[in-house]
Protein backbone atom coordinates (compact mmCIF):
# COMPACT_ATOMS: atom_id res chain seq x y z
CA MET A 1 -0.04 -0.03 0.03
CA THR A 2 2.67 2.26 0.90
CA ASP A 3 4.64 1.76 -2.18
CA TRP A 4 1.69 2.17 -4.43
CA LEU A 5 0.63 5.32 -2.81
CA ILE A 6 4.34 6.73 -3.12
CA SER A 7 4.12 5.89 -6.95
CA ILE A 8 0.89 7.72 -7.59
CA GLU A 9 1.98 11.05 -6.04
CA GLY A 10 1.69 13.94 -8.65
CA THR A 11 -0.09 11.36 -11.33
CA GLU A 12 -3.69 11.64 -12.85
CA THR A 13 -4.30 8.53 -10.90
CA GLY A 14 -3.01 10.24 -7.51
CA HIS A 15 -5.15 13.39 -8.39
CA THR A 16 -8.26 11.07 -8.77
CA VAL A 17 -7.29 9.44 -5.40
CA ALA A 18 -6.77 12.51 -3.69
CA LEU A 19 -10.11 13.89 -5.05
CA SER A 20 -11.92 10.84 -3.69
CA LEU A 21 -10.01 10.93 -0.19
CA ALA A 22 -10.95 14.97 0.33
CA LEU A 23 -14.53 14.38 -0.32
CA LEU A 24 -14.48 11.32 2.15
CA ALA A 25 -12.78 13.72 4.45
CA ALA A 26 -15.43 16.27 3.89
CA PHE A 27 -18.45 14.11 5.08
CA LEU A 28 -16.38 12.42 7.97
CA HIS A 29 -15.31 15.98 9.30
CA ALA A 30 -18.92 17.12 9.30
CA VAL A 31 -19.66 13.85 11.58
CA PHE A 32 -16.68 14.88 13.72
CA GLY A 33 -17.97 18.09 14.47
CA ALA A 34 -21.38 17.07 15.17
CA LEU A 35 -19.95 14.53 17.76
CA GLN A 36 -18.09 17.41 19.36
CA LYS A 37 -20.80 19.70 19.63
CA GLY A 38 -23.40 17.16 20.32
CA ARG A 39 -24.86 15.75 23.54
CA HIS A 40 -21.85 16.39 25.97
CA ASP A 41 -19.94 19.57 26.67
CA PRO A 42 -17.40 20.21 23.49
CA TRP A 43 -14.29 20.18 25.83
CA LEU A 44 -15.14 16.69 27.25
CA THR A 45 -15.96 14.91 24.06
CA ARG A 46 -12.68 16.36 22.28
CA GLY A 47 -10.93 14.97 25.20
CA ALA A 48 -12.43 11.65 25.20
CA ILE A 49 -11.81 11.60 21.16
CA ASP A 50 -8.19 12.74 21.51
CA ALA A 51 -7.56 10.00 24.16
CA SER A 52 -9.09 7.25 21.96
CA TYR A 53 -7.14 7.93 18.70
CA GLY A 54 -3.97 8.59 20.78
CA LEU A 55 -4.18 5.03 22.40
CA MET A 56 -5.37 3.58 19.06
CA ALA A 57 -2.15 4.97 17.18
CA ALA A 58 0.39 4.30 19.93
CA PRO A 59 0.83 0.73 19.03
CA PHE A 60 1.10 1.46 15.22
CA ALA A 61 3.60 4.49 15.91
CA LEU A 62 5.82 2.47 18.38
CA PHE A 63 5.64 -0.97 16.70
CA VAL A 64 4.43 -1.12 13.35
CA VAL A 65 5.69 1.80 10.98
CA PRO A 66 9.30 2.99 10.67
CA TRP A 67 10.29 5.20 13.22
CA PRO A 68 10.44 9.07 12.09
CA GLU A 69 13.59 10.49 10.72
CA ALA A 70 15.63 12.88 12.94
CA HIS A 71 14.35 15.88 11.16
CA MET A 72 11.08 15.00 11.75
CA TRP A 73 10.98 15.69 15.68
CA PRO A 74 10.95 19.60 15.32
CA ILE A 75 8.01 19.19 12.73
CA PHE A 76 5.87 16.97 15.26
CA ALA A 77 6.71 19.70 17.97
CA THR A 78 5.32 22.45 15.67
CA VAL A 79 2.39 20.50 14.47
CA PHE A 80 1.67 19.49 18.13
CA VAL A 81 1.49 23.41 19.12
CA ILE A 82 -0.59 24.23 16.09
CA HIS A 83 -3.33 21.70 16.78
CA VAL A 84 -3.55 22.53 20.44
CA VAL A 85 -4.27 26.11 19.78
CA TYR A 86 -6.78 24.93 16.96
CA LYS A 87 -8.46 22.67 19.36
CA VAL A 88 -8.91 25.31 22.41
CA LEU A 89 -10.36 27.66 19.76
CA GLN A 90 -12.63 25.27 18.12
CA ALA A 91 -14.06 24.17 21.68
CA TRP A 92 -14.29 27.59 22.65
CA ALA A 93 -16.36 28.62 19.66
CA TYR A 94 -18.74 25.81 19.88
CA THR A 95 -19.53 26.95 23.73
CA LYS A 96 -20.22 30.40 22.15
CA GLY A 97 -22.41 29.33 19.04
CA ALA A 98 -24.58 26.69 17.40
CA TYR A 99 -22.96 24.04 15.33
CA THR A 100 -24.67 25.31 12.00
CA VAL A 101 -23.52 29.02 12.98
CA VAL A 102 -19.61 28.05 13.90
CA TYR A 103 -18.67 25.19 11.65
CA PRO A 104 -19.40 26.83 8.25
CA VAL A 105 -17.73 29.96 9.29
CA VAL A 106 -14.55 27.77 10.36
CA ARG A 107 -14.20 25.64 7.39
CA GLY A 108 -15.13 28.12 5.10
CA THR A 109 -12.42 30.82 6.09
CA GLY A 110 -9.72 28.09 6.21
CA PRO A 111 -9.38 27.34 2.47
CA LEU A 112 -8.75 31.01 1.68
CA PHE A 113 -5.70 31.17 4.18
CA THR A 114 -4.81 27.71 3.00
CA VAL A 115 -4.59 28.85 -0.83
CA ILE A 116 -2.34 31.45 0.12
CA GLY A 117 -0.12 29.25 2.37
CA ALA A 118 -0.07 26.57 -0.17
CA TYR A 119 1.52 29.23 -2.59
CA TYR A 120 4.39 30.45 -0.36
CA LEU A 121 5.10 26.96 1.01
CA PHE A 122 4.75 24.54 -2.04
CA GLY A 123 4.57 27.11 -5.13
CA GLU A 124 1.04 25.93 -5.91
CA VAL A 125 -0.84 28.53 -8.24
CA PHE A 126 -4.68 28.77 -8.90
CA THR A 127 -6.39 29.75 -12.22
CA LEU A 128 -8.63 32.40 -12.63
CA THR A 129 -11.53 29.99 -12.61
CA GLN A 130 -10.34 28.65 -9.52
CA TRP A 131 -9.95 32.07 -7.87
CA LEU A 132 -13.80 32.65 -8.86
CA GLY A 133 -14.64 29.66 -7.18
CA VAL A 134 -12.71 30.78 -4.02
CA ALA A 135 -14.88 34.09 -4.30
CA VAL A 136 -18.08 32.17 -4.61
CA LEU A 137 -17.14 29.99 -1.44
CA LEU A 138 -16.21 33.24 0.46
CA ALA A 139 -19.57 34.88 -0.61
CA GLY A 140 -21.37 32.03 1.01
CA ILE A 141 -19.23 32.13 4.13
CA PHE A 142 -19.71 35.82 4.55
CA GLY A 143 -23.30 35.98 3.36
CA LEU A 144 -23.71 33.21 6.16
CA ALA A 145 -22.20 35.23 8.80
CA LEU A 146 -24.21 38.24 7.76
CA TYR A 147 -27.63 36.37 8.00
CA ASN A 148 -26.63 35.00 11.37
CA LEU A 149 -25.74 38.67 12.63
CA MET A 150 -29.16 39.87 11.09
CA PHE A 151 -31.65 37.12 11.90
CA LEU A 152 -30.26 34.96 14.63
CA THR A 153 -31.74 36.14 17.99
CA SER A 154 -31.35 32.92 20.22
CA GLU A 155 -27.61 33.41 20.94
CA ARG A 156 -27.33 37.29 20.23
CA ASP A 157 -25.54 37.82 23.38
CA THR A 158 -22.66 35.43 22.24
CA LEU A 159 -23.11 35.50 18.42
CA ASN A 160 -20.43 38.15 17.76
CA ALA A 161 -18.01 36.20 20.06
CA ALA A 162 -18.99 32.98 18.05
CA LEU A 163 -18.05 34.25 14.72
CA GLY A 164 -14.82 35.97 15.64
CA LEU A 165 -13.67 32.76 17.08
CA ALA A 166 -14.71 30.83 14.11
CA VAL A 167 -12.81 33.07 11.82
CA VAL A 168 -9.64 32.78 14.02
CA THR A 169 -10.12 29.01 14.31
CA GLY A 170 -10.41 28.96 10.53
CA LEU A 171 -7.05 30.61 10.32
CA PHE A 172 -5.54 27.79 12.40
CA VAL A 173 -7.35 25.14 10.26
CA ALA A 174 -5.18 26.61 7.27
CA LEU A 175 -2.13 26.74 9.34
CA TYR A 176 -2.56 23.09 10.33
CA THR A 177 -3.74 21.96 6.74
CA THR A 178 -0.55 23.45 5.19
CA TYR A 179 2.05 22.56 7.84
CA ASP A 180 0.62 18.75 8.12
CA ALA A 181 1.11 18.77 4.28
CA TYR A 182 4.43 19.86 4.85
CA GLY A 183 5.07 17.19 7.52
CA ILE A 184 3.63 14.30 5.70
CA ARG A 185 5.84 15.19 2.33
CA ALA A 186 8.93 15.37 4.76
CA THR A 187 9.16 11.65 5.77
CA ALA A 188 9.78 8.64 3.49
CA ASN A 189 6.69 6.86 4.82
CA PRO A 190 3.44 8.76 5.09
CA PHE A 191 1.82 6.12 7.56
CA THR A 192 4.84 7.10 9.99
CA PHE A 193 3.61 10.81 10.03
CA LEU A 194 -0.18 9.93 10.50
CA ALA A 195 0.48 7.20 13.28
CA TRP A 196 3.01 9.78 15.25
CA PHE A 197 0.74 12.62 14.40
CA PHE A 198 -2.14 10.79 16.16
CA MET A 199 -0.40 9.49 18.97
CA ILE A 200 1.36 13.04 19.88
CA ASP A 201 -1.76 14.95 19.07
CA GLY A 202 -3.75 12.93 21.49
CA ILE A 203 -1.68 13.88 24.60
CA PHE A 204 -2.91 17.42 25.40
CA MET A 205 -6.84 17.49 25.60
CA PRO A 206 -7.50 14.65 27.55
CA PRO A 207 -6.16 15.97 30.96
CA ILE A 208 -7.93 19.13 30.29
CA ALA A 209 -11.06 17.32 29.82
CA TYR A 210 -10.51 15.27 32.98
CA MET A 211 -10.16 18.72 34.98
CA ARG A 212 -13.03 19.95 33.52
CA TRP A 213 -15.19 16.97 34.23
CA LYS A 214 -13.87 16.86 37.99
CA ARG A 215 -15.26 20.58 38.40
CA MET A 216 -18.66 19.99 36.89
CA ASP A 217 -21.51 20.23 39.58
CA ASN A 218 -23.34 17.24 37.80
CA PRO A 219 -20.63 15.59 35.57
CA PRO A 220 -21.79 13.20 32.81
CA ALA A 221 -21.54 9.39 33.14
CA LEU A 222 -18.39 8.22 31.77
CA PRO A 223 -19.34 5.22 29.78
CA PRO A 224 -21.48 7.00 27.20
CA LEU A 225 -18.79 9.73 27.00
CA ALA A 226 -16.09 7.16 26.22
CA LEU A 227 -18.21 5.47 23.64
CA ARG A 228 -18.46 8.78 21.89
CA GLY A 229 -14.78 9.21 22.18
CA VAL A 230 -14.06 5.85 20.48
CA ILE A 231 -16.40 6.54 17.73
CA GLY A 232 -14.94 9.89 17.32
CA GLY A 233 -11.49 8.44 17.20
CA VAL A 234 -12.26 6.15 14.28
CA VAL A 235 -13.97 8.98 12.31
CA ALA A 236 -10.70 11.32 13.25
CA PHE A 237 -8.53 8.69 11.82
CA LEU A 238 -10.34 8.33 8.66
CA SER A 239 -11.21 12.15 8.15
CA PHE A 240 -7.77 13.88 9.21
CA GLY A 241 -5.92 10.85 7.78
CA SER A 242 -7.78 11.07 4.34
CA VAL A 243 -7.26 14.84 3.98
CA MET A 244 -3.56 14.60 4.99
CA MET A 245 -2.83 11.73 2.37
CA ALA A 246 -4.61 13.99 -0.18
CA THR A 247 -2.35 16.75 0.30
CA ARG A 248 0.71 14.27 -0.30
CA LEU A 249 -0.70 13.00 -3.38
CA ASP A 250 -2.11 16.06 -5.08
CA LYS A 251 -2.34 19.94 -4.82
CA VAL A 252 -2.75 21.13 -0.75
CA GLY A 253 -5.06 24.20 -1.97
CA GLU A 254 -7.53 21.96 -3.81
CA ALA A 255 -7.66 19.33 -1.31
CA ALA A 256 -8.43 22.03 1.36
CA VAL A 257 -11.12 23.60 -0.64
CA LEU A 258 -12.91 20.28 -1.65
CA ARG A 259 -13.12 19.44 2.06
CA GLU A 260 -15.16 22.25 2.69
CA THR A 261 -18.16 20.54 0.92
CA SER A 262 -18.60 19.41 4.39
CA THR A 263 -20.64 22.58 5.10
CA VAL A 264 -23.64 20.91 3.09
CA PHE A 265 -23.21 17.65 5.33
CA ALA A 266 -22.80 19.97 8.40
CA ALA A 267 -26.34 21.56 7.43
CA ILE A 268 -27.99 18.17 6.99
CA ILE A 269 -26.58 16.66 10.32
CA GLY A 270 -27.14 19.88 12.48
CA TRP A 271 -30.88 19.66 11.01
CA LEU A 272 -31.64 15.85 11.20
CA VAL A 273 -29.44 14.88 14.18
CA LEU A 274 -28.80 17.94 16.50
CA LYS A 275 -32.26 19.43 15.61
CA GLU A 276 -30.90 22.73 14.99
CA THR A 277 -33.00 25.08 12.94
CA VAL A 278 -31.11 25.82 9.66
CA GLY A 279 -33.89 27.30 7.18
CA PRO A 280 -33.63 27.44 3.34
CA ARG A 281 -31.59 30.59 3.25
CA ARG A 282 -28.90 29.26 5.50
CA ILE A 283 -29.00 26.07 3.46
CA ALA A 284 -28.58 27.99 0.33
CA LEU A 285 -25.70 29.82 1.55
CA MET A 286 -23.85 26.69 2.82
CA ALA A 287 -24.43 25.21 -0.74
CA LEU A 288 -22.87 28.17 -2.18
CA ILE A 289 -19.73 27.24 0.01
CA ALA A 290 -19.79 23.88 -1.57
CA LEU A 291 -20.50 25.13 -5.11
CA GLY A 292 -17.38 27.25 -4.64
CA ALA A 293 -15.39 24.00 -3.69
CA VAL A 294 -16.75 22.60 -7.00
CA ILE A 295 -15.65 25.28 -9.43
CA VAL A 296 -12.17 25.16 -7.77
CA GLU A 297 -12.04 21.45 -8.73
CA MET A 298 -13.43 21.92 -12.09
CA GLY A 299 -11.33 25.07 -12.83
CA GLY A 300 -8.10 23.03 -12.09
């Protein structure tokens, strides 16, 4: 598997596989976001998820894949810091706003910064049509933000904070997407990066979540939280692993933009599962974000 993946890097087959992986990541990331925002406190859920995928990854990192080369350790340290800041911002945003408010702005803002970062780091250049797609995507994002500011009343007191945190979180989505792509390209075996990434990334949030759980007046039962963590851990492997592999096989900017079709899945999940009011105008704006992503792909 490893040899085959390396052999298709930069080829037409690699482009097709990367496209499929980015779309799979889109759906799974919407599921992942809903799991974190859903039944339990977002900080607790994230801690349970991180503990699960860290423990799952440890045997593969330590005993299965080749050990990282010496130059990878500073990269892993930087990746760890970037993801810690991202997760704190993401959980904080979810405590301030509804899933269907925060998620589209976070996931939609990220690609713009990622495209710019991919230009400077990897020399990737978008065509005029692709930039049109980015503009359509951004129109959907900021149209959604404007709609929420004008019409959403249930969370009016925290809405500005939620949107602000969502934009900053989107910046860190771009930062981790670009730097993770750099990291997975810097090692000979991509599965080495993935296994060590998940093991290292699972260290920070579980202690934070445990301390938060201990301070609660009425803490949730641990078995349902642990089950959600295990499910979320598997989803995280498939979601984050898919998009990281896509960025190794093909262009980082395109993979990042295509992943943001997750906003459509997020709208459906928010409506059907979380019972959040979405409405036709917000659905249309989320679809506009996804349309922008499709234009980027078609214009490449």
